[in-house]
Amino acid sequence: MSQHQIIPGQQVTLSDIPTEAKDFCDDRKKAEKRFGKLRDEFIRWQRVLWSEGKQKLLIVLQATDAGGKDGTIRKVFKGVNPQGVKVVSF
C-alpha cells in the first residue's frame, strides 16, 4: 500500500509516478477481504476529515477510455457518504 501513499508535505509531480502498478492481490478472495477492511478504514477517515474540516483526501484514477474507472469508483465508494465525495473528470 505504501507504494500508493503520498507523505504529508511531500511535493508531488504526477508525471513522475509510474502508471504501471503491481496487482493489489493475486488471490481474489483475499483481495475482497482486504478491500473490505480498507473500505471500512476509508469510511472512518471520511468522518474524521469531515469533522475536522481542514483536510481533504484526493484519489486519482488514471485509465484509458473504457478502462473501468466508473466501476472502480462505484466499488471503492460503496458505503461511503455521497455528500462527502466529489468526482471530477480531467
PDB file of N, CA and C in Angstrom:
ATOM      1  N   MET A   1       0.819  -1.187   0.000  1.00  0.00           N
ATOM      2  CA  MET A   1       0.000   0.000   0.000  1.00  0.00           C
ATOM      3  C   MET A   1       0.866   1.256   0.000  1.00  0.00           C
ATOM      4  N   SER A   2       2.030   1.207   0.618  1.00  0.00           N
ATOM      5  CA  SER A   2       2.875   2.394   0.718  1.00  0.00           C
ATOM      6  C   SER A   2       3.323   2.909  -0.640  1.00  0.00           C
ATOM      7  N   GLN A   3       3.334   2.043  -1.652  1.00  0.00           N
ATOM      8  CA  GLN A   3       3.724   2.498  -2.988  1.00  0.00           C
ATOM      9  C   GLN A   3       2.731   3.510  -3.550  1.00  0.00           C
ATOM     10  N   HIS A   4       1.519   3.546  -2.998  1.00  0.00           N
ATOM     11  CA  HIS A   4       0.481   4.443  -3.483  1.00  0.00           C
ATOM     12  C   HIS A   4       0.236   5.615  -2.540  1.00  0.00           C
ATOM     13  N   GLN A   5       1.011   5.711  -1.484  1.00  0.00           N
ATOM     14  CA  GLN A   5       0.765   6.716  -0.457  1.00  0.00           C
ATOM     15  C   GLN A   5       1.682   7.913  -0.656  1.00  0.00           C
ATOM     16  N   ILE A   6       1.125   9.102  -0.489  1.00  0.00           N
ATOM     17  CA  ILE A   6       1.896  10.336  -0.543  1.00  0.00           C
ATOM     18  C   ILE A   6       2.049  10.831   0.890  1.00  0.00           C
ATOM     19  N   ILE A   7       3.260  11.140   1.281  1.00  0.00           N
ATOM     20  CA  ILE A   7       3.550  11.602   2.635  1.00  0.00           C
ATOM     21  C   ILE A   7       3.144  13.073   2.750  1.00  0.00           C
ATOM     22  N   PRO A   8       2.467  13.461   3.843  1.00  0.00           N
ATOM     23  CA  PRO A   8       2.074  14.863   4.010  1.00  0.00           C
ATOM     24  C   PRO A   8       3.262  15.801   3.837  1.00  0.00           C
ATOM     25  N   GLY A   9       3.056  16.859   3.071  1.00  0.00           N
ATOM     26  CA  GLY A   9       4.102  17.833   2.812  1.00  0.00           C
ATOM     27  C   GLY A   9       5.000  17.487   1.637  1.00  0.00           C
ATOM     28  N   GLN A  10       4.878  16.280   1.115  1.00  0.00           N
ATOM     29  CA  GLN A  10       5.709  15.828   0.004  1.00  0.00           C
ATOM     30  C   GLN A  10       5.267  16.515  -1.290  1.00  0.00           C
ATOM     31  N   GLN A  11       6.222  17.021  -2.048  1.00  0.00           N
ATOM     32  CA  GLN A  11       5.925  17.593  -3.362  1.00  0.00           C
ATOM     33  C   GLN A  11       5.577  16.455  -4.305  1.00  0.00           C
ATOM     34  N   VAL A  12       4.528  16.621  -5.090  1.00  0.00           N
ATOM     35  CA  VAL A  12       4.070  15.563  -5.983  1.00  0.00           C
ATOM     36  C   VAL A  12       4.017  16.076  -7.410  1.00  0.00           C
ATOM     37  N   THR A  13       4.651  15.335  -8.307  1.00  0.00           N
ATOM     38  CA  THR A  13       4.533  15.579  -9.737  1.00  0.00           C
ATOM     39  C   THR A  13       3.976  14.298 -10.326  1.00  0.00           C
ATOM     40  N   LEU A  14       2.707  14.341 -10.741  1.00  0.00           N
ATOM     41  CA  LEU A  14       2.045  13.122 -11.196  1.00  0.00           C
ATOM     42  C   LEU A  14       2.786  12.450 -12.348  1.00  0.00           C
ATOM     43  N   SER A  15       3.429  13.233 -13.200  1.00  0.00           N
ATOM     44  CA  SER A  15       4.142  12.637 -14.334  1.00  0.00           C
ATOM     45  C   SER A  15       5.353  11.818 -13.889  1.00  0.00           C
ATOM     46  N   ASP A  16       5.807  12.009 -12.658  1.00  0.00           N
ATOM     47  CA  ASP A  16       6.941  11.235 -12.135  1.00  0.00           C
ATOM     48  C   ASP A  16       6.517   9.896 -11.532  1.00  0.00           C
ATOM     49  N   ILE A  17       5.214   9.698 -11.354  1.00  0.00           N
ATOM     50  CA  ILE A  17       4.721   8.480 -10.724  1.00  0.00           C
ATOM     51  C   ILE A  17       4.414   7.455 -11.806  1.00  0.00           C
ATOM     52  N   PRO A  18       5.009   6.257 -11.731  1.00  0.00           N
ATOM     53  CA  PRO A  18       4.758   5.245 -12.761  1.00  0.00           C
ATOM     54  C   PRO A  18       3.287   4.839 -12.791  1.00  0.00           C
ATOM     55  N   THR A  19       2.769   4.623 -13.988  1.00  0.00           N
ATOM     56  CA  THR A  19       1.353   4.268 -14.132  1.00  0.00           C
ATOM     57  C   THR A  19       1.124   2.769 -14.058  1.00  0.00           C
ATOM     58  N   GLU A  20       2.165   1.986 -14.159  1.00  0.00           N
ATOM     59  CA  GLU A  20       2.017   0.533 -14.062  1.00  0.00           C
ATOM     60  C   GLU A  20       2.302   0.117 -12.626  1.00  0.00           C
ATOM     61  N   ALA A  21       1.283  -0.359 -11.960  1.00  0.00           N
ATOM     62  CA  ALA A  21       1.422  -0.770 -10.564  1.00  0.00           C
ATOM     63  C   ALA A  21       1.246  -2.274 -10.452  1.00  0.00           C
ATOM     64  N   LYS A  22       1.797  -2.821  -9.374  1.00  0.00           N
ATOM     65  CA  LYS A  22       1.600  -4.241  -9.106  1.00  0.00           C
ATOM     66  C   LYS A  22       0.133  -4.476  -8.776  1.00  0.00           C
ATOM     67  N   ASP A  23      -0.323  -5.699  -9.012  1.00  0.00           N
ATOM     68  CA  ASP A  23      -1.682  -6.058  -8.637  1.00  0.00           C
ATOM     69  C   ASP A  23      -1.864  -5.874  -7.138  1.00  0.00           C
ATOM     70  N   PHE A  24      -3.072  -5.499  -6.758  1.00  0.00           N
ATOM     71  CA  PHE A  24      -3.413  -5.306  -5.346  1.00  0.00           C
ATOM     72  C   PHE A  24      -3.221  -6.607  -4.577  1.00  0.00           C
ATOM     73  N   CYS A  25      -3.616  -7.712  -5.193  1.00  0.00           N
ATOM     74  CA  CYS A  25      -3.520  -9.022  -4.553  1.00  0.00           C
ATOM     75  C   CYS A  25      -3.736 -10.095  -5.624  1.00  0.00           C
ATOM     76  N   ASP A  26      -3.014 -11.198  -5.541  1.00  0.00           N
ATOM     77  CA  ASP A  26      -3.148 -12.269  -6.533  1.00  0.00           C
ATOM     78  C   ASP A  26      -4.378 -13.146  -6.306  1.00  0.00           C
ATOM     79  N   ASP A  27      -4.834 -13.250  -5.081  1.00  0.00           N
ATOM     80  CA  ASP A  27      -5.964 -14.104  -4.730  1.00  0.00           C
ATOM     81  C   ASP A  27      -7.220 -13.242  -4.577  1.00  0.00           C
ATOM     82  N   ARG A  28      -8.250 -13.504  -5.384  1.00  0.00           N
ATOM     83  CA  ARG A  28      -9.454 -12.663  -5.389  1.00  0.00           C
ATOM     84  C   ARG A  28     -10.146 -12.618  -4.024  1.00  0.00           C
ATOM     85  N   LYS A  29     -10.287 -13.762  -3.358  1.00  0.00           N
ATOM     86  CA  LYS A  29     -10.965 -13.775  -2.048  1.00  0.00           C
ATOM     87  C   LYS A  29     -10.183 -12.963  -1.017  1.00  0.00           C
ATOM     88  N   LYS A  30      -8.863 -13.110  -1.033  1.00  0.00           N
ATOM     89  CA  LYS A  30      -8.037 -12.324  -0.117  1.00  0.00           C
ATOM     90  C   LYS A  30      -8.155 -10.839  -0.450  1.00  0.00           C
ATOM     91  N   ALA A  31      -8.176 -10.532  -1.744  1.00  0.00           N
ATOM     92  CA  ALA A  31      -8.283  -9.139  -2.176  1.00  0.00           C
ATOM     93  C   ALA A  31      -9.600  -8.531  -1.718  1.00  0.00           C
ATOM     94  N   GLU A  32     -10.701  -9.274  -1.858  1.00  0.00           N
ATOM     95  CA  GLU A  32     -12.005  -8.760  -1.441  1.00  0.00           C
ATOM     96  C   GLU A  32     -12.052  -8.526   0.068  1.00  0.00           C
ATOM     97  N   LYS A  33     -11.461  -9.428   0.835  1.00  0.00           N
ATOM     98  CA  LYS A  33     -11.419  -9.271   2.291  1.00  0.00           C
ATOM     99  C   LYS A  33     -10.580  -8.045   2.663  1.00  0.00           C
ATOM    100  N   ARG A  34      -9.426  -7.937   2.032  1.00  0.00           N
ATOM    101  CA  ARG A  34      -8.535  -6.810   2.305  1.00  0.00           C
ATOM    102  C   ARG A  34      -9.193  -5.496   1.881  1.00  0.00           C
ATOM    103  N   PHE A  35      -9.850  -5.526   0.728  1.00  0.00           N
ATOM    104  CA  PHE A  35     -10.510  -4.321   0.232  1.00  0.00           C
ATOM    105  C   PHE A  35     -11.640  -3.898   1.169  1.00  0.00           C
ATOM    106  N   GLY A  36     -12.373  -4.867   1.712  1.00  0.00           N
ATOM    107  CA  GLY A  36     -13.430  -4.555   2.673  1.00  0.00           C
ATOM    108  C   GLY A  36     -12.893  -3.830   3.895  1.00  0.00           C
ATOM    109  N   LYS A  37     -11.740  -4.278   4.392  1.00  0.00           N
ATOM    110  CA  LYS A  37     -11.117  -3.618   5.539  1.00  0.00           C
ATOM    111  C   LYS A  37     -10.680  -2.202   5.173  1.00  0.00           C
ATOM    112  N   LEU A  38     -10.121  -2.053   3.971  1.00  0.00           N
ATOM    113  CA  LEU A  38      -9.695  -0.728   3.531  1.00  0.00           C
ATOM    114  C   LEU A  38     -10.894   0.203   3.343  1.00  0.00           C
ATOM    115  N   ARG A  39     -12.008  -0.337   2.851  1.00  0.00           N
ATOM    116  CA  ARG A  39     -13.220   0.480   2.688  1.00  0.00           C
ATOM    117  C   ARG A  39     -13.697   0.972   4.052  1.00  0.00           C
ATOM    118  N   ASP A  40     -13.706   0.083   5.049  1.00  0.00           N
ATOM    119  CA  ASP A  40     -14.106   0.487   6.399  1.00  0.00           C
ATOM    120  C   ASP A  40     -13.203   1.600   6.919  1.00  0.00           C
ATOM    121  N   GLU A  41     -11.912   1.470   6.658  1.00  0.00           N
ATOM    122  CA  GLU A  41     -10.958   2.497   7.081  1.00  0.00           C
ATOM    123  C   GLU A  41     -11.223   3.808   6.337  1.00  0.00           C
ATOM    124  N   PHE A  42     -11.530   3.699   5.059  1.00  0.00           N
ATOM    125  CA  PHE A  42     -11.822   4.887   4.255  1.00  0.00           C
ATOM    126  C   PHE A  42     -13.058   5.615   4.798  1.00  0.00           C
ATOM    127  N   ILE A  43     -14.098   4.858   5.146  1.00  0.00           N
ATOM    128  CA  ILE A  43     -15.322   5.445   5.698  1.00  0.00           C
ATOM    129  C   ILE A  43     -15.012   6.153   7.021  1.00  0.00           C
ATOM    130  N   ARG A  44     -14.181   5.522   7.835  1.00  0.00           N
ATOM    131  CA  ARG A  44     -13.786   6.144   9.112  1.00  0.00           C
ATOM    132  C   ARG A  44     -13.033   7.451   8.864  1.00  0.00           C
ATOM    133  N   TRP A  45     -12.097   7.429   7.919  1.00  0.00           N
ATOM    134  CA  TRP A  45     -11.326   8.636   7.616  1.00  0.00           C
ATOM    135  C   TRP A  45     -12.203   9.729   7.021  1.00  0.00           C
ATOM    136  N   GLN A  46     -13.215   9.333   6.253  1.00  0.00           N
ATOM    137  CA  GLN A  46     -14.122  10.340   5.704  1.00  0.00           C
ATOM    138  C   GLN A  46     -14.787  11.109   6.849  1.00  0.00           C
ATOM    139  N   ARG A  47     -15.225  10.396   7.862  1.00  0.00           N
ATOM    140  CA  ARG A  47     -15.866  11.039   9.020  1.00  0.00           C
ATOM    141  C   ARG A  47     -14.887  11.955   9.758  1.00  0.00           C
ATOM    142  N   VAL A  48     -13.669  11.458   9.968  1.00  0.00           N
ATOM    143  CA  VAL A  48     -12.663  12.239  10.691  1.00  0.00           C
ATOM    144  C   VAL A  48     -12.323  13.514   9.927  1.00  0.00           C
ATOM    145  N   LEU A  49     -12.037  13.383   8.637  1.00  0.00           N
ATOM    146  CA  LEU A  49     -11.654  14.549   7.842  1.00  0.00           C
ATOM    147  C   LEU A  49     -12.799  15.546   7.739  1.00  0.00           C
ATOM    148  N   TRP A  50     -14.026  15.050   7.590  1.00  0.00           N
ATOM    149  CA  TRP A  50     -15.179  15.941   7.506  1.00  0.00           C
ATOM    150  C   TRP A  50     -15.356  16.706   8.812  1.00  0.00           C
ATOM    151  N   SER A  51     -15.222  16.009   9.941  1.00  0.00           N
ATOM    152  CA  SER A  51     -15.443  16.663  11.236  1.00  0.00           C
ATOM    153  C   SER A  51     -14.369  17.710  11.528  1.00  0.00           C
ATOM    154  N   GLU A  52     -13.131  17.471  11.066  1.00  0.00           N
ATOM    155  CA  GLU A  52     -12.065  18.456  11.256  1.00  0.00           C
ATOM    156  C   GLU A  52     -12.270  19.662  10.354  1.00  0.00           C
ATOM    157  N   GLY A  53     -12.753  19.408   9.136  1.00  0.00           N
ATOM    158  CA  GLY A  53     -12.991  20.494   8.187  1.00  0.00           C
ATOM    159  C   GLY A  53     -11.727  21.191   7.712  1.00  0.00           C
ATOM    160  N   LYS A  54     -10.567  20.555   7.851  1.00  0.00           N
ATOM    161  CA  LYS A  54      -9.299  21.184   7.486  1.00  0.00           C
ATOM    162  C   LYS A  54      -8.630  20.520   6.285  1.00  0.00           C
ATOM    163  N   GLN A  55      -8.784  19.211   6.171  1.00  0.00           N
ATOM    164  CA  GLN A  55      -8.052  18.468   5.155  1.00  0.00           C
ATOM    165  C   GLN A  55      -9.013  17.722   4.247  1.00  0.00           C
ATOM    166  N   LYS A  56      -8.488  17.331   3.102  1.00  0.00           N
ATOM    167  CA  LYS A  56      -9.278  16.542   2.159  1.00  0.00           C
ATOM    168  C   LYS A  56      -8.425  15.386   1.669  1.00  0.00           C
ATOM    169  N   LEU A  57      -9.077  14.428   1.063  1.00  0.00           N
ATOM    170  CA  LEU A  57      -8.394  13.263   0.510  1.00  0.00           C
ATOM    171  C   LEU A  57      -8.566  13.289  -0.998  1.00  0.00           C
ATOM    172  N   LEU A  58      -7.476  13.176  -1.723  1.00  0.00           N
ATOM    173  CA  LEU A  58      -7.507  13.156  -3.183  1.00  0.00           C
ATOM    174  C   LEU A  58      -7.180  11.751  -3.657  1.00  0.00           C
ATOM    175  N   ILE A  59      -8.058  11.195  -4.461  1.00  0.00           N
ATOM    176  CA  ILE A  59      -7.825   9.888  -5.073  1.00  0.00           C
ATOM    177  C   ILE A  59      -7.811  10.107  -6.575  1.00  0.00           C
ATOM    178  N   VAL A  60      -6.730   9.702  -7.224  1.00  0.00           N
ATOM    179  CA  VAL A  60      -6.592   9.884  -8.664  1.00  0.00           C
ATOM    180  C   VAL A  60      -6.653   8.523  -9.334  1.00  0.00           C
ATOM    181  N   LEU A  61      -7.548   8.391 -10.298  1.00  0.00           N
ATOM    182  CA  LEU A  61      -7.646   7.173 -11.104  1.00  0.00           C
ATOM    183  C   LEU A  61      -7.261   7.534 -12.528  1.00  0.00           C
ATOM    184  N   GLN A  62      -6.333   6.791 -13.078  1.00  0.00           N
ATOM    185  CA  GLN A  62      -5.908   7.037 -14.447  1.00  0.00           C
ATOM    186  C   GLN A  62      -6.085   5.761 -15.248  1.00  0.00           C
ATOM    187  N   ALA A  63      -6.820   5.868 -16.346  1.00  0.00           N
ATOM    188  CA  ALA A  63      -7.020   4.726 -17.241  1.00  0.00           C
ATOM    189  C   ALA A  63      -7.520   5.258 -18.577  1.00  0.00           C
ATOM    190  N   THR A  64      -7.355   4.458 -19.598  1.00  0.00           N
ATOM    191  CA  THR A  64      -7.859   4.840 -20.913  1.00  0.00           C
ATOM    192  C   THR A  64      -9.381   4.787 -20.914  1.00  0.00           C
ATOM    193  N   ASP A  65      -9.993   5.275 -21.999  1.00  0.00           N
ATOM    194  CA  ASP A  65     -11.444   5.148 -22.141  1.00  0.00           C
ATOM    195  C   ASP A  65     -11.817   3.681 -22.019  1.00  0.00           C
ATOM    196  N   ALA A  66     -12.921   3.416 -21.358  1.00  0.00           N
ATOM    197  CA  ALA A  66     -13.405   2.044 -21.117  1.00  0.00           C
ATOM    198  C   ALA A  66     -12.414   1.252 -20.265  1.00  0.00           C
ATOM    199  N   GLY A  67     -11.636   1.969 -19.440  1.00  0.00           N
ATOM    200  CA  GLY A  67     -10.642   1.318 -18.591  1.00  0.00           C
ATOM    201  C   GLY A  67     -11.172   0.879 -17.237  1.00  0.00           C
ATOM    202  N   GLY A  68     -12.463   1.099 -16.979  1.00  0.00           N
ATOM    203  CA  GLY A  68     -13.053   0.635 -15.733  1.00  0.00           C
ATOM    204  C   GLY A  68     -13.088   1.655 -14.609  1.00  0.00           C
ATOM    205  N   LYS A  69     -12.859   2.919 -14.929  1.00  0.00           N
ATOM    206  CA  LYS A  69     -12.840   3.941 -13.877  1.00  0.00           C
ATOM    207  C   LYS A  69     -14.196   4.081 -13.187  1.00  0.00           C
ATOM    208  N   ASP A  70     -15.280   4.112 -13.956  1.00  0.00           N
ATOM    209  CA  ASP A  70     -16.618   4.269 -13.359  1.00  0.00           C
ATOM    210  C   ASP A  70     -16.946   3.120 -12.415  1.00  0.00           C
ATOM    211  N   GLY A  71     -16.681   1.899 -12.837  1.00  0.00           N
ATOM    212  CA  GLY A  71     -16.936   0.737 -11.984  1.00  0.00           C
ATOM    213  C   GLY A  71     -16.070   0.758 -10.741  1.00  0.00           C
ATOM    214  N   THR A  72     -14.832   1.200 -10.895  1.00  0.00           N
ATOM    215  CA  THR A  72     -13.929   1.293  -9.753  1.00  0.00           C
ATOM    216  C   THR A  72     -14.456   2.310  -8.751  1.00  0.00           C
ATOM    217  N   ILE A  73     -14.913   3.445  -9.253  1.00  0.00           N
ATOM    218  CA  ILE A  73     -15.466   4.480  -8.371  1.00  0.00           C
ATOM    219  C   ILE A  73     -16.668   3.936  -7.610  1.00  0.00           C
ATOM    220  N   ARG A  74     -17.558   3.241  -8.316  1.00  0.00           N
ATOM    221  CA  ARG A  74     -18.742   2.679  -7.652  1.00  0.00           C
ATOM    222  C   ARG A  74     -18.345   1.687  -6.557  1.00  0.00           C
ATOM    223  N   LYS A  75     -17.363   0.834  -6.840  1.00  0.00           N
ATOM    224  CA  LYS A  75     -16.959  -0.173  -5.853  1.00  0.00           C
ATOM    225  C   LYS A  75     -16.189   0.438  -4.685  1.00  0.00           C
ATOM    226  N   VAL A  76     -15.292   1.366  -4.983  1.00  0.00           N
ATOM    227  CA  VAL A  76     -14.479   1.973  -3.929  1.00  0.00           C
ATOM    228  C   VAL A  76     -15.341   2.793  -2.977  1.00  0.00           C
ATOM    229  N   PHE A  77     -16.311   3.517  -3.517  1.00  0.00           N
ATOM    230  CA  PHE A  77     -17.102   4.427  -2.693  1.00  0.00           C
ATOM    231  C   PHE A  77     -18.421   3.833  -2.221  1.00  0.00           C
ATOM    232  N   LYS A  78     -18.632   2.549  -2.427  1.00  0.00           N
ATOM    233  CA  LYS A  78     -19.837   1.886  -1.924  1.00  0.00           C
ATOM    234  C   LYS A  78     -19.826   1.962  -0.396  1.00  0.00           C
ATOM    235  N   GLY A  79     -20.900   2.459   0.174  1.00  0.00           N
ATOM    236  CA  GLY A  79     -20.981   2.582   1.622  1.00  0.00           C
ATOM    237  C   GLY A  79     -20.453   3.891   2.164  1.00  0.00           C
ATOM    238  N   VAL A  80     -19.863   4.707   1.294  1.00  0.00           N
ATOM    239  CA  VAL A  80     -19.329   5.999   1.704  1.00  0.00           C
ATOM    240  C   VAL A  80     -20.438   7.044   1.546  1.00  0.00           C
ATOM    241  N   ASN A  81     -20.484   8.008   2.433  1.00  0.00           N
ATOM    242  CA  ASN A  81     -21.482   9.068   2.351  1.00  0.00           C
ATOM    243  C   ASN A  81     -21.272   9.860   1.057  1.00  0.00           C
ATOM    244  N   PRO A  82     -22.234   9.826   0.130  1.00  0.00           N
ATOM    245  CA  PRO A  82     -22.050  10.507  -1.155  1.00  0.00           C
ATOM    246  C   PRO A  82     -21.950  12.023  -1.035  1.00  0.00           C
ATOM    247  N   GLN A  83     -22.427  12.596   0.065  1.00  0.00           N
ATOM    248  CA  GLN A  83     -22.309  14.042   0.247  1.00  0.00           C
ATOM    249  C   GLN A  83     -20.861  14.462   0.480  1.00  0.00           C
ATOM    250  N   GLY A  84     -20.020  13.511   0.830  1.00  0.00           N
ATOM    251  CA  GLY A  84     -18.624  13.818   1.079  1.00  0.00           C
ATOM    252  C   GLY A  84     -17.708  13.421  -0.060  1.00  0.00           C
ATOM    253  N   VAL A  85     -18.290  13.127  -1.226  1.00  0.00           N
ATOM    254  CA  VAL A  85     -17.496  12.675  -2.371  1.00  0.00           C
ATOM    255  C   VAL A  85     -17.770  13.577  -3.570  1.00  0.00           C
ATOM    256  N   LYS A  86     -16.718  13.969  -4.237  1.00  0.00           N
ATOM    257  CA  LYS A  86     -16.849  14.749  -5.466  1.00  0.00           C
ATOM    258  C   LYS A  86     -16.003  14.050  -6.524  1.00  0.00           C
ATOM    259  N   VAL A  87     -16.619  13.685  -7.637  1.00  0.00           N
ATOM    260  CA  VAL A  87     -15.915  13.010  -8.730  1.00  0.00           C
ATOM    261  C   VAL A  87     -15.799  13.993  -9.883  1.00  0.00           C
ATOM    262  N   VAL A  88     -14.582  14.155 -10.401  1.00  0.00           N
ATOM    263  CA  VAL A  88     -14.324  15.103 -11.477  1.00  0.00           C
ATOM    264  C   VAL A  88     -13.493  14.423 -12.553  1.00  0.00           C
ATOM    265  N   SER A  89     -13.872  14.631 -13.802  1.00  0.00           N
ATOM    266  CA  SER A  89     -13.056  14.152 -14.926  1.00  0.00           C
ATOM    267  C   SER A  89     -12.046  15.236 -15.280  1.00  0.00           C
ATOM    268  N   PHE A  90     -10.882  14.812 -15.715  1.00  0.00           N
ATOM    269  CA  PHE A  90      -9.893  15.796 -16.170  1.00  0.00           C
ATOM    270  C   PHE A  90      -9.137  15.265 -17.345  1.00  0.00           C
TER     271      PHE A  90
END
